[in-house]
Protein backbone atom coordinates (compact mmCIF):
# COMPACT_ATOMS: atom_id res chain seq x y z
CA MET A 1 -20.29 9.18 6.90
CA ASP A 2 -22.65 6.81 8.78
CA GLU A 3 -24.53 3.85 7.32
CA ASN A 4 -27.79 5.77 7.04
CA SER A 5 -26.15 8.57 5.07
CA ASN A 6 -24.45 6.02 2.80
CA TYR A 7 -27.80 4.37 2.14
CA HIS A 8 -29.51 7.61 1.11
CA GLN A 9 -26.58 8.80 -1.02
CA ILE A 10 -26.45 5.50 -2.95
CA ALA A 11 -30.26 5.45 -3.32
CA GLN A 12 -30.00 8.64 -5.39
CA PHE A 13 -28.47 6.45 -8.11
CA SER A 14 -30.23 3.16 -7.37
CA ALA A 15 -32.59 2.08 -4.58
CA ARG A 16 -31.67 -1.53 -5.35
CA ASP A 17 -27.97 -0.77 -4.92
CA ALA A 18 -28.62 0.94 -1.58
CA GLU A 19 -30.05 -2.35 -0.30
CA ALA A 20 -27.32 -4.41 -1.99
CA PHE A 21 -24.58 -2.25 -0.48
CA VAL A 22 -25.74 -3.11 3.05
CA LYS A 23 -25.36 -6.83 2.22
CA TYR A 24 -22.02 -6.18 0.50
CA GLU A 25 -20.64 -4.40 3.58
CA LYS A 26 -21.85 -7.24 5.80
CA PHE A 27 -20.08 -9.76 3.55
CA LEU A 28 -16.82 -7.76 3.59
CA ASN A 29 -16.98 -7.40 7.38
CA GLN A 30 -17.44 -11.15 7.76
CA LEU A 31 -14.50 -11.73 5.45
CA VAL A 32 -12.30 -9.24 7.31
CA ASP A 33 -13.17 -10.88 10.64
CA SER A 34 -12.05 -14.22 9.20
CA ILE A 35 -8.80 -13.07 7.58
CA ASP A 36 -7.70 -10.31 9.96
CA PRO A 37 -5.98 -12.68 12.45
CA LEU A 38 -3.73 -13.93 9.62
CA PHE A 39 -2.20 -10.45 9.44
CA ASP A 40 -0.78 -10.94 12.92
CA VAL A 41 1.00 -14.27 12.37
CA ALA A 42 3.82 -15.33 10.09
CA PRO A 43 2.63 -17.57 7.24
CA PRO A 44 3.08 -21.28 7.97
CA ARG A 45 6.10 -22.93 6.41
CA PHE A 46 6.08 -26.08 4.31
CA SER A 47 9.77 -26.75 4.94
CA SER A 48 10.81 -29.29 7.58
CA ASN A 49 13.53 -26.85 8.67
CA THR A 50 11.56 -25.09 11.41
CA ARG A 51 14.52 -24.23 13.66
CA GLY A 52 13.89 -26.25 16.79
CA LEU A 53 10.99 -26.65 19.20
CA ALA A 54 10.11 -22.94 19.27
CA GLY A 55 10.06 -22.85 15.48
CA ASN A 56 7.83 -25.91 15.32
CA TRP A 57 5.43 -24.37 17.84
CA ASP A 58 5.21 -21.08 15.93
CA ASN A 59 4.62 -22.96 12.69
CA LEU A 60 1.82 -24.95 14.33
CA GLN A 61 0.24 -21.71 15.55
CA SER A 62 0.33 -20.30 12.02
CA TRP A 63 -1.32 -23.40 10.57
CA ARG A 64 -3.97 -23.26 13.29
CA GLU A 65 -4.84 -19.62 12.48
CA LEU A 66 -5.08 -20.49 8.79
CA MET A 67 -7.41 -23.43 9.46
CA ARG A 68 -9.49 -21.26 11.78
CA ALA A 69 -9.87 -18.59 9.07
CA LEU A 70 -10.88 -21.17 6.46
CA GLY A 71 -13.43 -22.58 8.90
CA LYS A 72 -15.12 -19.18 9.12
CA PHE A 73 -15.71 -19.24 5.36
CA ARG A 74 -18.36 -21.92 5.77
CA GLY A 75 -21.39 -20.88 3.73
CA ILE A 76 -19.62 -18.03 1.93
CA PHE A 77 -16.58 -19.79 0.45
CA PRO A 78 -17.71 -19.48 -3.22
CA ASP A 79 -18.12 -15.71 -2.79
CA VAL A 80 -14.81 -15.45 -0.94
CA TYR A 81 -12.96 -17.38 -3.63
CA GLU A 82 -14.47 -15.21 -6.34
CA LEU A 83 -13.56 -11.97 -4.58
CA ILE A 84 -9.92 -12.88 -4.04
CA THR A 85 -9.31 -14.32 -7.52
CA ALA A 86 -11.69 -12.60 -9.97
CA PRO A 87 -11.54 -9.21 -11.69
CA ILE A 88 -13.11 -6.54 -9.51
CA ALA A 89 -15.41 -5.61 -12.42
CA LYS A 90 -16.94 -9.10 -12.35
CA VAL A 91 -17.37 -9.01 -8.56
CA LEU A 92 -19.13 -5.63 -8.61
CA ASN A 93 -21.21 -6.18 -11.74
CA LYS A 94 -22.87 -9.16 -10.05
CA ARG A 95 -23.85 -7.08 -7.04
CA PHE A 96 -24.67 -3.59 -8.29
CA GLU A 97 -26.24 -1.80 -11.25
CA SER A 98 -25.15 1.82 -10.72
CA ASP A 99 -21.98 2.73 -12.60
CA PRO A 100 -20.91 5.54 -10.21
CA LEU A 101 -21.08 3.14 -7.26
CA LYS A 102 -19.29 0.31 -9.06
CA ALA A 103 -16.52 2.59 -10.32
CA THR A 104 -16.05 4.19 -6.89
CA LEU A 105 -15.72 0.81 -5.19
CA ALA A 106 -13.53 -0.56 -7.98
CA THR A 107 -10.76 1.98 -7.39
CA ASP A 108 -9.92 0.23 -4.11
CA GLY A 109 -9.08 -2.81 -6.23
CA LEU A 110 -6.81 -0.79 -8.49
CA ILE A 111 -4.99 1.88 -6.50
CA GLY A 112 -1.26 1.24 -6.34
CA SER A 113 -1.64 -1.73 -8.70
CA SER A 114 -0.93 -2.18 -12.41
CA LEU A 115 -4.15 -4.18 -12.72
CA GLY A 116 -7.27 -2.95 -14.48
CA PRO A 117 -10.94 -3.51 -13.58
CA SER A 118 -11.05 -6.59 -15.80
CA SER A 119 -7.76 -8.04 -14.52
CA ALA A 120 -7.93 -11.25 -12.49
CA GLY A 121 -6.84 -10.71 -8.90
CA SER A 122 -7.92 -7.08 -8.61
CA GLY A 123 -10.62 -8.21 -6.18
CA TYR A 124 -7.95 -9.11 -3.60
CA VAL A 125 -6.41 -5.63 -3.83
CA LEU A 126 -9.80 -4.24 -2.80
CA LEU A 127 -9.94 -6.67 0.13
CA HIS A 128 -6.44 -5.62 1.23
CA HIS A 129 -7.62 -2.01 1.41
CA VAL A 130 -10.49 -2.81 3.78
CA MET A 131 -8.49 -5.02 6.15
CA GLY A 132 -7.70 -4.03 9.71
CA ARG A 133 -9.49 -1.73 12.06
CA LEU A 134 -8.95 1.61 13.77
CA GLU A 135 -10.40 2.53 17.16
CA GLY A 136 -12.80 -0.40 16.85
CA ARG A 137 -14.02 0.45 13.35
CA LYS A 138 -13.41 -2.23 10.73
CA GLY A 139 -11.67 -1.12 7.56
CA ALA A 140 -11.38 2.46 8.82
CA TRP A 141 -8.73 4.85 7.54
CA ALA A 142 -7.60 7.93 9.42
CA TYR A 143 -5.39 10.97 9.33
CA VAL A 144 -2.61 11.29 11.88
CA GLU A 145 -2.51 14.67 13.58
CA GLY A 146 0.63 16.43 12.43
CA GLY A 147 0.97 14.24 9.31
CA MET A 148 2.51 10.82 8.81
CA GLY A 149 5.81 12.04 10.19
CA ALA A 150 4.13 12.07 13.59
CA VAL A 151 3.86 8.26 13.43
CA ALA A 152 7.59 7.92 12.80
CA GLU A 153 8.40 10.42 15.55
CA THR A 154 6.21 8.56 18.06
CA LEU A 155 7.94 5.27 17.29
CA ALA A 156 11.34 7.00 17.48
CA ASN A 157 10.51 8.38 20.93
CA VAL A 158 9.59 4.90 22.16
CA LEU A 159 12.91 3.53 20.90
CA ARG A 160 14.90 6.34 22.49
CA SER A 161 13.10 5.88 25.80
CA ALA A 162 14.21 2.23 25.74
CA GLY A 163 17.83 3.28 25.23
CA GLY A 164 17.95 2.92 21.45
CA GLU A 165 19.90 5.23 19.15
CA ILE A 166 18.72 6.55 15.79
CA MET A 167 21.30 7.77 13.27
CA CYS A 168 19.67 10.09 10.75
CA ASN A 169 21.37 11.13 7.51
CA HIS A 170 23.68 8.10 7.70
CA GLU A 171 22.99 6.18 4.52
CA VAL A 172 23.88 2.50 4.54
CA GLU A 173 26.19 1.62 1.69
CA GLN A 174 26.57 -2.09 2.32
CA ILE A 175 25.56 -4.87 4.69
CA LEU A 176 28.70 -6.51 6.05
CA VAL A 177 28.84 -10.28 5.60
CA PHE A 178 31.53 -12.83 6.43
CA ASP A 179 31.26 -16.57 5.89
CA GLY A 180 27.51 -16.39 5.34
CA LYS A 181 26.84 -14.41 8.54
CA VAL A 182 25.95 -10.75 8.95
CA GLU A 183 28.50 -8.59 10.80
CA GLY A 184 26.84 -5.16 10.66
CA VAL A 185 26.64 -2.35 8.11
CA GLN A 186 29.00 0.04 6.41
CA LEU A 187 27.84 3.62 6.04
CA LYS A 188 28.61 5.94 3.16
CA GLY A 189 31.84 7.55 4.22
CA GLY A 190 33.32 4.26 5.36
CA GLU A 191 32.19 4.05 9.00
CA GLU A 192 31.25 0.55 10.11
CA VAL A 193 28.56 -0.33 12.66
CA LYS A 194 29.07 -3.85 13.99
CA ALA A 195 26.02 -5.97 14.78
CA LYS A 196 25.04 -9.62 15.13
CA MET A 197 21.68 -8.91 13.55
CA VAL A 198 20.49 -6.53 10.84
CA LEU A 199 16.80 -5.93 10.12
CA SER A 200 16.01 -4.22 6.83
CA GLY A 201 12.79 -2.33 6.16
CA ALA A 202 13.91 -1.56 2.61
CA THR A 203 12.47 -3.46 -0.33
CA VAL A 204 13.67 -7.02 -0.77
CA ARG A 205 15.45 -6.18 -4.03
CA GLU A 206 17.14 -3.11 -2.50
CA THR A 207 18.27 -5.18 0.49
CA MET A 208 19.48 -8.31 -1.25
CA LEU A 209 20.73 -7.09 -4.62
CA LYS A 210 22.06 -3.62 -3.81
CA LEU A 211 23.16 -3.73 -0.17
CA LEU A 212 24.61 -7.24 0.07
CA PRO A 213 28.16 -7.74 -1.24
CA GLU A 214 28.40 -9.32 -4.69
CA GLY A 215 28.46 -13.09 -4.49
CA SER A 216 26.64 -13.32 -1.14
CA LEU A 217 23.63 -15.10 -2.63
CA ASP A 218 23.22 -18.29 -4.61
CA LEU A 219 22.17 -17.70 -8.20
CA SER A 220 18.80 -19.34 -7.49
CA VAL A 221 18.07 -16.87 -4.68
CA LYS A 222 19.20 -13.98 -6.82
CA ALA A 223 16.81 -15.13 -9.56
CA GLU A 224 13.97 -15.27 -7.01
CA VAL A 225 14.59 -11.66 -6.02
CA GLU A 226 14.96 -10.47 -9.61
CA GLY A 227 11.61 -12.08 -10.41
CA ILE A 228 9.60 -10.05 -7.86
CA ASP A 229 7.08 -7.77 -9.58
CA TYR A 230 7.56 -4.14 -8.54
CA SER A 231 5.60 -2.50 -11.34
CA SER A 232 3.71 0.64 -10.34
CA PRO A 233 1.49 3.04 -12.28
CA VAL A 234 1.11 5.67 -9.54
CA VAL A 235 2.13 9.31 -9.59
CA LYS A 236 1.60 11.15 -6.34
CA ILE A 237 1.18 14.93 -6.22
CA ASN A 238 1.20 16.77 -2.89
CA VAL A 239 -0.58 20.09 -3.24
CA ALA A 240 -0.69 23.21 -1.05
CA MET A 241 -3.84 25.29 -1.65
CA SER A 242 -5.02 28.72 -0.58
CA ARG A 243 -8.54 27.36 0.00
CA ILE A 244 -10.55 24.15 0.13
CA PRO A 245 -11.59 22.74 -3.29
CA ASP A 246 -15.17 23.84 -4.03
CA PHE A 247 -16.99 20.80 -5.42
CA SER A 248 -20.50 21.93 -4.44
CA LYS A 249 -20.42 25.74 -4.79
CA SER A 250 -20.33 26.16 -1.03
CA GLY A 251 -17.34 28.47 -0.87
CA ASN A 252 -14.32 27.97 1.37
CA ILE A 253 -16.26 25.80 3.82
CA VAL A 254 -15.21 22.29 4.82
CA GLN A 255 -17.96 19.79 3.88
CA PRO A 256 -18.32 16.08 4.81
CA HIS A 257 -17.04 15.00 1.38
CA HIS A 258 -13.79 16.86 2.02
CA ARG A 259 -13.16 14.43 4.88
CA ALA A 260 -13.56 11.34 2.72
CA THR A 261 -11.65 9.93 -0.25
CA ILE A 262 -12.65 11.93 -3.33
CA HIS A 263 -12.70 9.97 -6.60
CA LEU A 264 -12.19 11.84 -9.89
CA ASN A 265 -12.25 10.70 -13.53
CA SER A 266 -13.99 7.56 -12.33
CA GLU A 267 -17.71 8.12 -12.84
CA ASN A 268 -18.07 4.79 -14.62
CA MET A 269 -16.18 1.56 -15.23
CA GLY A 270 -15.55 2.54 -18.86
CA MET A 271 -13.38 5.45 -17.72
CA LEU A 272 -11.28 3.12 -15.57
CA GLU A 273 -10.96 0.60 -18.41
CA SER A 274 -9.91 3.34 -20.83
CA ALA A 275 -7.27 4.67 -18.43
CA HIS A 276 -5.86 1.17 -18.01
CA LYS A 277 -5.79 0.52 -21.78
CA ASP A 278 -3.60 3.60 -22.24
CA TYR A 279 -1.21 2.22 -19.63
CA ILE A 280 -1.08 -1.21 -21.29
CA ALA A 281 -0.25 0.58 -24.53
CA GLY A 282 2.78 2.10 -22.78
CA LYS A 283 1.52 5.67 -22.46
CA PRO A 284 0.12 7.82 -19.64
CA SER A 285 -3.65 7.67 -19.28
CA GLU A 286 -5.30 10.51 -21.16
CA LYS A 287 -7.78 10.87 -18.29
CA PRO A 288 -6.09 9.17 -15.33
CA PHE A 289 -8.31 8.27 -12.42
CA MET A 290 -7.47 10.09 -9.21
CA GLU A 291 -8.00 9.70 -5.51
CA MET A 292 -7.80 12.92 -3.51
CA VAL A 293 -7.62 13.20 0.26
CA ILE A 294 -7.49 16.49 2.17
CA PRO A 295 -6.00 15.81 5.61
CA SER A 296 -6.14 19.50 6.55
CA SER A 297 -9.95 19.22 6.51
CA LEU A 298 -9.56 17.46 9.87
CA ASP A 299 -6.07 18.45 11.00
CA PRO A 300 -5.53 22.23 11.21
CA THR A 301 -1.91 21.78 12.33
CA ILE A 302 -0.58 21.05 8.81
CA ALA A 303 -1.71 24.22 7.01
CA PRO A 304 -2.17 27.93 7.83
CA PRO A 305 -5.71 29.10 8.73
CA GLY A 306 -7.99 28.91 5.69
CA ALA A 307 -5.36 27.08 3.62
CA HIS A 308 -5.31 23.35 2.91
CA VAL A 309 -3.23 20.41 1.78
CA ALA A 310 -4.39 17.79 -0.74
CA LEU A 311 -2.72 14.49 -1.56
CA LEU A 312 -3.38 13.08 -5.03
CA PHE A 313 -2.88 9.48 -6.14
CA ILE A 314 -3.01 9.38 -9.94
CA GLN A 315 -2.84 6.40 -12.29
CA TYR A 316 -2.06 4.94 -14.72
CA ILE A 317 1.35 6.44 -15.61
CA PRO A 318 4.11 4.01 -16.76
CA TYR A 319 7.45 4.02 -14.93
CA ALA A 320 9.32 3.74 -18.24
CA VAL A 321 7.71 6.98 -19.41
CA THR A 322 8.24 9.05 -16.27
CA LYS A 323 11.87 7.95 -16.04
CA LEU A 324 12.48 10.00 -19.19
CA TRP A 325 10.65 13.07 -17.88
CA LYS A 326 12.49 16.25 -16.96
CA GLU A 327 11.14 19.07 -14.81
CA LYS A 328 9.15 20.48 -17.73
CA GLU A 329 7.29 17.22 -18.37
CA ARG A 330 6.48 16.84 -14.68
CA THR A 331 5.19 20.41 -14.55
CA ASP A 332 3.10 19.91 -17.70
CA PHE A 333 1.62 16.74 -16.23
CA ALA A 334 0.71 18.47 -12.96
CA GLN A 335 -0.96 21.34 -14.82
CA LYS A 336 -2.95 18.86 -16.90
CA VAL A 337 -4.11 17.11 -13.72
CA PHE A 338 -5.07 20.41 -12.08
CA LYS A 339 -7.11 21.44 -15.14
CA GLN A 340 -8.99 18.15 -15.02
CA ILE A 341 -9.76 18.77 -11.35
CA ASP A 342 -11.10 22.20 -12.37
CA ASP A 343 -13.90 20.35 -14.16
CA TYR A 344 -15.09 19.08 -10.76
CA ALA A 345 -14.02 21.98 -8.52
CA PRO A 346 -13.85 25.20 -10.57
CA GLY A 347 -10.94 27.39 -9.56
CA PHE A 348 -8.82 24.55 -8.17
CA SER A 349 -5.84 25.45 -10.39
CA ALA A 350 -5.98 29.06 -9.23
CA SER A 351 -5.91 27.94 -5.58
CA VAL A 352 -2.65 25.99 -5.94
CA VAL A 353 0.24 27.79 -4.25
CA GLY A 354 2.75 24.94 -4.40
CA TYR A 355 3.12 21.28 -5.24
CA GLU A 356 5.55 18.40 -5.65
CA VAL A 357 5.27 15.65 -8.26
CA LEU A 358 6.45 12.18 -7.19
CA THR A 359 6.60 9.91 -10.22
CA PRO A 360 7.40 6.18 -9.85
CA ASP A 361 11.08 6.75 -10.64
CA ILE A 362 11.31 9.60 -8.09
CA LEU A 363 9.60 7.45 -5.45
CA GLU A 364 12.28 4.87 -6.23
CA SER A 365 15.30 7.19 -6.13
CA THR A 366 14.10 9.26 -3.15
CA PHE A 367 12.58 6.64 -0.86
CA GLY A 368 14.11 3.42 -2.16
CA LEU A 369 10.70 2.13 -3.33
CA THR A 370 11.76 -0.26 -6.08
CA GLY A 371 9.79 0.54 -9.23
CA GLY A 372 7.94 3.21 -7.24
CA ASN A 373 5.71 0.45 -5.84
CA ILE A 374 4.08 1.72 -2.63
CA PHE A 375 3.45 -1.85 -1.42
CA HIS A 376 7.11 -3.00 -1.79
CA GLY A 377 5.89 -5.45 -4.43
CA ALA A 378 2.66 -6.19 -6.25
CA LEU A 379 -0.24 -7.60 -4.23
CA SER A 380 -0.72 -10.48 -6.64
CA TRP A 381 -1.48 -14.05 -5.61
CA ASP A 382 2.02 -15.22 -6.54
CA GLN A 383 3.36 -12.64 -4.04
CA LEU A 384 1.06 -13.08 -1.07
CA PHE A 385 1.01 -15.04 2.20
CA PHE A 386 3.09 -18.23 1.64
CA SER A 387 4.70 -16.57 -1.39
CA ARG A 388 5.58 -13.12 -0.10
CA PRO A 389 7.97 -11.84 -1.24
CA SER A 390 8.27 -14.89 -3.57
CA SER A 391 7.45 -18.59 -3.62
CA ASN A 392 10.88 -19.83 -2.51
CA LEU A 393 11.85 -16.81 -0.42
CA HIS A 394 9.04 -16.33 2.08
CA GLY A 395 9.01 -15.17 5.66
CA TYR A 396 11.45 -12.81 7.34
CA ARG A 397 14.71 -14.75 7.51
CA THR A 398 17.15 -14.59 4.61
CA PRO A 399 19.87 -17.00 3.44
CA ILE A 400 22.34 -14.73 5.25
CA GLN A 401 22.40 -15.69 8.94
CA GLY A 402 21.45 -12.69 11.08
CA LEU A 403 19.86 -10.70 8.23
CA TYR A 404 16.09 -10.25 8.46
CA LEU A 405 13.46 -8.60 6.28
CA CYS A 406 10.83 -6.47 8.01
CA GLY A 407 9.41 -4.20 5.29
CA SER A 408 6.16 -4.33 3.35
CA GLY A 409 7.71 -6.77 0.90
CA CYS A 410 6.99 -9.38 3.57
CA HIS A 411 3.62 -10.72 4.74
CA PRO A 412 1.06 -9.19 5.10
CA GLY A 413 2.16 -6.56 2.59
CA GLY A 414 1.79 -2.82 2.19
CA GLY A 415 -0.25 -0.30 4.13
CA VAL A 416 0.55 1.44 7.39
CA THR A 417 -0.11 -1.55 9.64
CA GLY A 418 3.27 -2.13 11.26
CA ALA A 419 2.58 -5.85 10.89
CA PRO A 420 5.57 -6.80 8.68
CA GLY A 421 7.93 -4.97 11.03
CA ARG A 422 6.43 -6.58 14.11
CA LEU A 423 6.56 -10.09 12.63
CA GLY A 424 10.11 -9.56 11.34
CA ALA A 425 11.23 -8.31 14.75
CA LEU A 426 9.56 -11.24 16.54
CA THR A 427 11.36 -13.66 14.21
CA ALA A 428 14.73 -12.02 14.95
CA LEU A 429 13.96 -11.98 18.68
CA GLN A 430 13.12 -15.67 18.61
CA ASP A 431 16.49 -16.46 17.01
CA PHE A 432 18.31 -14.11 19.39
CA ARG A 433 16.92 -15.94 22.43
CA ARG A 434 17.81 -19.38 21.09
């Protein structure tokens, strides 16, 4: 949807907000331009142990990028500081009057996070979701033709073309360590793969507390890892449908809104607050807020003609609750969600031909996402930039020589950016060349 269409859609709720939204977008774009370069450099280190001349040079480059970003905040620093530290409700209430607009924007500060609209720090989560650019468009999101597996396959083909080997269905049981140095990995079944370097894209806790041999880490390091916040309130449901959801009584016809993020149970901030209060009380939200995307509305390769696929992000649902669920409880939850979607798109439930429910505990056991956290750790200020994954365990090197972290638990955090992997690989390459 272009800027002119946005303006007219928002003006239906508030002419004042239509004007304010233009200024808000300009402010966010200015902020993204300032911070975006920091996503491409490792955070500067405070330690004097910078590993030689090359390490000192890289550290200087990181400090320079940070100073450059701060310099671009001239004139807007108070607004920047408020956005990255304040509750998203406070940020949006100061700028807009229309509840539908505020609630729609607020979900970007909440999705994947255990924070609520009135929680300090939820403003940064929103900023994280508008970072980056795609094909020259700032903050743009996109569908990959063929689904997200096409991204992995493209990267795999590049590796193979360079002579690399990929071993699928070979689960790593343990990282081999001798005298504080990595020696490779041991696979389930006993086979050993020797290596001078190991890069792990798994979560930090999975890597350092489950894959390393017992006793490999000092107790202080172990405590750092155990202290990382992996809480997650998200249940994901992937849905196969016989037709496109009909939100506007237009029949089985793809409309512009089908190609955007669709927000449900979030017409006002009160609904978001209520959903979060249920979560804080230790129970699933009675009316969880949902984000729906329909990639088949743009990509016909992932569904038969006329049929569609929807991906639902639903929160807030506590990990401790879903861990006790059996198949019946997961089915009951899905049916409850589908019935609530019926209120917006009549007949949605009847169109469902198949689905899978991925609760936080299933995301953990199936994909190794500790706590089910899609960002490999909360995007809170104590776990960002200098302090990601934690204050005394930041960067991509580990206390084990030759073992590197390159997953989203490292700076700059979650999202399909490739940045943590690139920065982790560059760090390993720098050490390899030394």
